[in-house]
Protein backbone atom coordinates (compact mmCIF):
# COMPACT_ATOMS: atom_id res chain seq x y z
CA UNK A 1 -1.57 29.84 46.01
CA UNK A 2 -0.46 26.47 47.37
CA UNK A 3 -2.93 24.72 45.05
CA UNK A 4 -1.57 26.62 42.09
CA UNK A 5 1.97 25.70 43.09
CA UNK A 6 1.00 22.02 43.38
CA UNK A 7 -0.56 22.04 39.88
CA UNK A 8 2.59 23.62 38.45
CA UNK A 9 4.81 20.98 40.02
CA UNK A 10 2.53 18.20 38.72
CA UNK A 11 2.71 19.47 35.15
CA UNK A 12 6.48 19.85 35.38
CA UNK A 13 6.83 16.32 36.70
CA UNK A 14 4.57 14.95 33.96
CA UNK A 15 6.59 16.79 31.30
CA UNK A 16 9.85 15.45 32.66
CA UNK A 17 8.39 11.95 32.70
CA UNK A 18 7.38 12.22 29.04
CA UNK A 19 10.85 13.48 28.08
CA UNK A 20 12.45 10.59 29.98
CA UNK A 21 10.19 8.07 28.23
CA UNK A 22 11.00 9.62 24.86
CA UNK A 23 14.74 9.45 25.52
CA UNK A 24 14.35 5.85 26.67
CA UNK A 25 12.44 4.96 23.50
CA UNK A 26 15.10 6.56 21.30
CA UNK A 27 17.89 4.72 23.11
CA UNK A 28 15.99 1.44 22.97
CA UNK A 29 15.21 1.86 19.27
CA UNK A 30 18.85 2.65 18.51
CA UNK A 31 19.94 -0.44 20.41
CA UNK A 32 17.37 -2.68 18.70
CA UNK A 33 18.18 -1.24 15.26
CA UNK A 34 21.89 -1.90 15.73
CA UNK A 35 21.20 -5.41 17.05
CA UNK A 36 18.77 -6.29 14.25
CA UNK A 37 21.15 -4.83 11.67
CA UNK A 38 23.90 -7.17 12.85
CA UNK A 39 21.50 -10.14 12.72
CA UNK A 40 20.34 -9.49 9.14
CA UNK A 41 22.61 -10.94 6.47
CA UNK A 42 20.32 -11.19 3.42
CA UNK A 43 17.41 -9.03 2.28
CA UNK A 44 14.91 -10.69 -0.06
CA UNK A 45 12.70 -8.66 -2.39
CA UNK A 46 9.66 -9.48 -4.46
CA UNK A 47 9.47 -7.73 -7.82
CA UNK A 48 5.90 -6.61 -8.49
CA UNK A 49 4.52 -3.98 -6.08
CA UNK A 50 7.86 -3.94 -4.23
CA UNK A 51 10.60 -2.89 -6.66
CA UNK A 52 8.42 -2.11 -9.68
CA UNK A 53 4.76 -1.19 -9.81
CA UNK A 54 2.14 -2.55 -12.18
CA UNK A 55 -1.46 -1.82 -13.05
CA UNK A 56 -3.62 -4.26 -14.99
CA UNK A 57 -5.81 -1.40 -16.21
CA UNK A 58 -2.86 -0.01 -18.21
CA UNK A 59 -2.57 -3.26 -20.15
CA UNK A 60 -6.36 -3.46 -20.50
CA UNK A 61 -6.45 0.01 -22.07
CA UNK A 62 -3.85 -1.08 -24.63
CA UNK A 63 -5.75 -4.31 -25.29
CA UNK A 64 -8.88 -2.35 -26.17
CA UNK A 65 -7.08 -1.32 -29.37
CA UNK A 66 -6.97 -4.93 -30.59
CA UNK A 67 -9.87 -6.72 -28.87
CA UNK A 68 -13.63 -6.30 -29.34
CA UNK A 69 -14.17 -6.91 -25.61
CA UNK A 70 -15.08 -4.20 -23.13
CA UNK A 71 -12.65 -2.82 -20.57
CA UNK A 72 -14.37 -4.82 -17.82
CA UNK A 73 -14.13 -8.04 -19.83
CA UNK A 74 -10.46 -7.46 -20.68
CA UNK A 75 -9.69 -6.73 -17.01
CA UNK A 76 -11.37 -10.00 -16.04
CA UNK A 77 -9.02 -11.94 -18.33
CA UNK A 78 -5.91 -10.13 -17.09
CA UNK A 79 -6.93 -10.64 -13.46
CA UNK A 80 -7.78 -14.34 -13.86
CA UNK A 81 -5.60 -15.93 -11.18
CA UNK A 82 -6.04 -19.46 -12.52
CA UNK A 83 -4.94 -18.41 -16.01
CA UNK A 84 -1.77 -16.80 -14.66
CA UNK A 85 -1.14 -19.70 -12.27
CA UNK A 86 -1.31 -22.24 -15.12
CA UNK A 87 1.46 -20.36 -16.89
CA UNK A 88 3.65 -19.51 -13.92
CA UNK A 89 3.61 -23.07 -12.59
CA UNK A 90 4.64 -24.56 -15.93
CA UNK A 91 1.33 -26.14 -16.87
CA UNK A 92 1.25 -23.90 -19.95
CA UNK A 93 4.20 -22.95 -22.14
CA UNK A 94 4.62 -19.37 -23.34
CA UNK A 95 3.15 -20.29 -26.72
CA UNK A 96 0.16 -22.04 -25.12
CA UNK A 97 -0.44 -19.13 -22.76
CA UNK A 98 -0.22 -16.68 -25.65
CA UNK A 99 -2.73 -18.63 -27.73
CA UNK A 100 -5.12 -19.13 -24.80
CA UNK A 101 -5.15 -15.45 -23.84
CA UNK A 102 -5.58 -14.38 -27.47
CA UNK A 103 -8.50 -16.77 -27.79
CA UNK A 104 -10.18 -15.46 -24.65
CA UNK A 105 -9.61 -11.86 -25.70
CA UNK A 106 -10.76 -12.62 -29.26
CA UNK A 107 -7.71 -10.96 -30.80
CA UNK A 108 -5.10 -11.84 -33.40
CA UNK A 109 -1.64 -10.41 -32.72
CA UNK A 110 1.92 -11.68 -33.07
CA UNK A 111 3.66 -13.00 -29.98
CA UNK A 112 5.99 -9.98 -30.13
CA UNK A 113 2.98 -7.65 -29.99
CA UNK A 114 1.44 -9.82 -27.28
CA UNK A 115 4.58 -9.43 -25.13
CA UNK A 116 4.43 -5.68 -25.63
CA UNK A 117 0.76 -5.55 -24.60
CA UNK A 118 1.25 -7.89 -21.65
CA UNK A 119 4.22 -5.89 -20.41
CA UNK A 120 2.44 -2.54 -20.69
CA UNK A 121 1.00 -3.12 -17.20
CA UNK A 122 4.33 -2.10 -15.65
CA UNK A 123 4.76 1.53 -14.66
CA UNK A 124 7.95 3.25 -15.86
CA UNK A 125 9.08 4.56 -12.46
CA UNK A 126 10.32 1.97 -9.92
CA UNK A 127 9.00 1.94 -6.36
CA UNK A 128 12.53 1.52 -5.00
CA UNK A 129 15.26 3.66 -6.50
CA UNK A 130 18.52 2.23 -7.77
CA UNK A 131 20.42 4.47 -5.35
CA UNK A 132 18.50 2.98 -2.41
CA UNK A 133 19.25 -0.57 -3.53
CA UNK A 134 22.90 0.29 -4.16
CA UNK A 135 23.19 1.71 -0.64
CA UNK A 136 21.48 -1.36 0.83
CA UNK A 137 23.85 -3.61 -1.14
CA UNK A 138 26.80 -2.15 0.77
CA UNK A 139 25.45 -3.66 4.01
CA UNK A 140 23.52 -6.77 3.00
CA UNK A 141 23.32 -9.43 0.33
CA UNK A 142 20.30 -8.72 -1.85
CA UNK A 143 18.16 -11.46 -3.38
CA UNK A 144 15.14 -11.35 -5.68
CA UNK A 145 12.36 -13.93 -5.44
CA UNK A 146 9.40 -13.41 -7.72
CA UNK A 147 6.66 -15.29 -9.52
CA UNK A 148 7.09 -13.21 -12.65
CA UNK A 149 6.92 -15.12 -15.92
CA UNK A 150 8.81 -15.50 -19.17
CA UNK A 151 6.47 -13.23 -21.13
CA UNK A 152 7.97 -10.33 -19.19
CA UNK A 153 11.55 -11.41 -19.96
CA UNK A 154 13.64 -9.64 -22.57
CA UNK A 155 16.79 -11.38 -21.36
CA UNK A 156 17.68 -14.59 -19.52
CA UNK A 157 21.12 -14.48 -17.91
CA UNK A 158 22.93 -17.80 -17.67
CA UNK A 159 26.26 -18.61 -16.04
CA UNK A 160 28.56 -20.32 -18.54
CA UNK A 161 31.37 -21.30 -16.17
CA UNK A 162 31.49 -24.97 -15.18
CA UNK A 163 31.55 -25.78 -11.51
CA UNK A 164 34.31 -28.05 -10.25
CA UNK A 165 34.00 -31.85 -10.28
CA UNK A 166 33.87 -31.87 -6.47
CA UNK A 167 31.03 -29.36 -6.45
CA UNK A 168 29.17 -31.28 -9.17
CA UNK A 169 29.42 -34.52 -7.16
CA UNK A 170 28.15 -32.80 -4.02
CA UNK A 171 25.11 -31.40 -5.84
CA UNK A 172 24.46 -34.66 -7.69
CA UNK A 173 24.15 -36.41 -4.33
CA UNK A 174 21.22 -34.07 -3.63
CA UNK A 175 19.65 -34.68 -7.04
CA UNK A 176 20.76 -31.32 -8.44
CA UNK A 177 22.88 -30.45 -11.45
CA UNK A 178 24.17 -27.38 -13.24
CA UNK A 179 21.90 -26.06 -15.97
CA UNK A 180 22.92 -24.24 -19.12
CA UNK A 181 26.15 -26.24 -19.55
CA UNK A 182 25.34 -29.85 -20.44
CA UNK A 183 21.80 -29.11 -21.60
CA UNK A 184 20.19 -26.39 -23.66
CA UNK A 185 17.66 -23.93 -22.31
CA UNK A 186 16.88 -22.49 -25.73
CA UNK A 187 13.94 -24.82 -26.29
CA UNK A 188 12.32 -23.67 -23.04
CA UNK A 189 12.19 -20.04 -24.19
CA UNK A 190 10.35 -18.28 -26.96
CA UNK A 191 12.36 -16.73 -29.77
CA UNK A 192 11.83 -13.18 -28.50
CA UNK A 193 13.90 -13.79 -25.36
CA UNK A 194 17.65 -13.22 -25.64
CA UNK A 195 19.99 -15.51 -23.71
CA UNK A 196 23.01 -13.74 -22.23
CA UNK A 197 25.85 -16.00 -21.08
CA UNK A 198 28.68 -14.89 -18.79
CA UNK A 199 31.05 -16.11 -16.08
CA UNK A 200 29.06 -15.27 -12.96
CA UNK A 201 30.63 -17.51 -10.30
CA UNK A 202 32.69 -16.65 -7.27
CA UNK A 203 35.78 -18.66 -6.42
CA UNK A 204 35.39 -20.85 -3.35
CA UNK A 205 34.21 -24.19 -2.03
CA UNK A 206 30.52 -23.37 -2.39
CA UNK A 207 28.80 -22.37 -5.62
CA UNK A 208 27.95 -18.71 -5.26
CA UNK A 209 27.24 -16.00 -7.80
CA UNK A 210 29.52 -13.01 -7.99
CA UNK A 211 27.06 -10.19 -7.30
CA UNK A 212 29.23 -7.49 -8.92
CA UNK A 213 29.58 -9.41 -12.20
CA UNK A 214 25.89 -10.25 -12.22
CA UNK A 215 24.94 -6.61 -11.56
CA UNK A 216 27.20 -5.49 -14.41
CA UNK A 217 25.54 -7.91 -16.84
CA UNK A 218 22.05 -6.85 -15.70
CA UNK A 219 22.88 -3.16 -16.17
CA UNK A 220 24.33 -3.86 -19.63
CA UNK A 221 21.09 -5.64 -20.57
CA UNK A 222 19.13 -2.65 -19.31
CA UNK A 223 21.22 -0.27 -21.40
CA UNK A 224 20.70 -2.48 -24.44
CA UNK A 225 16.94 -2.57 -23.87
CA UNK A 226 16.75 1.21 -23.54
CA UNK A 227 19.00 1.95 -26.52
CA UNK A 228 17.18 3.46 -29.52
CA UNK A 229 16.47 1.06 -32.36
CA UNK A 230 18.16 2.04 -35.64
CA UNK A 231 16.10 1.12 -38.67
C-alpha cells in the first residue's frame, strides 16, 4: 500500500509540474508577444507566394493553345531564371522580353495577348485576405517589396504633387530626385499599362506617402480592372 501511495504522489507531482511549466510558457509567450509587438513598427511583404499565389503550370496550359511546344518545353521557358532575371533587372525592356519569349515559344501573339497569357499564372484567390491586411494595418505600417515585373502591371500609380524646395535640395545632395514630375515615365512603359496620377504625399518635413490615399487609389484601380467591359 505504501508503494502504491508513493506512485500516486509521484504522478500528482509530475502533473502539477507540467501544469506549472505550461502556465509559465503561456505567461512568457504573452510577455514576449507584447514586447515584440511594441518593437515592430513596419511589416514588409513579398507579393508572389506571400500575398498572392502563382503556378507556372497554369500559364503553360494556356500557352499550349498558341505554341507548338510540349507542356514540359513551355514550362522550361517559363521557369528559366536567367530569362526572368534579364527582364526584372532592366537588361531587357518589356518589348524585348515579349519578343524573346515569343521566339523561344515559337508563337505569334499580340503583346496584349502575351500579357494575358503571362499573367494567367496567378491564382484568383489571395493567400492573405484583405480583412487580415486591413487589421494588420491598424497596428503597423505595411510595405510591399517584390521583384514582380511590368508585364504583370495593369496600372502604375505615380504621385503628382511636387515636394518642397527644401526637400528637393536634401534629396539632391544624396543624388536622388523626384520622378514623374520633371521627367516622363511614359516611355519606360508599354502602351497597355495605364498611368494613374494622384496627390499621395503626407504633410511634414520628410517625404512620406499617405497610406490612406494610396490605398484608396489602389482599390479604385482594382474596381476598374474588375468592372465588366462594355462593347
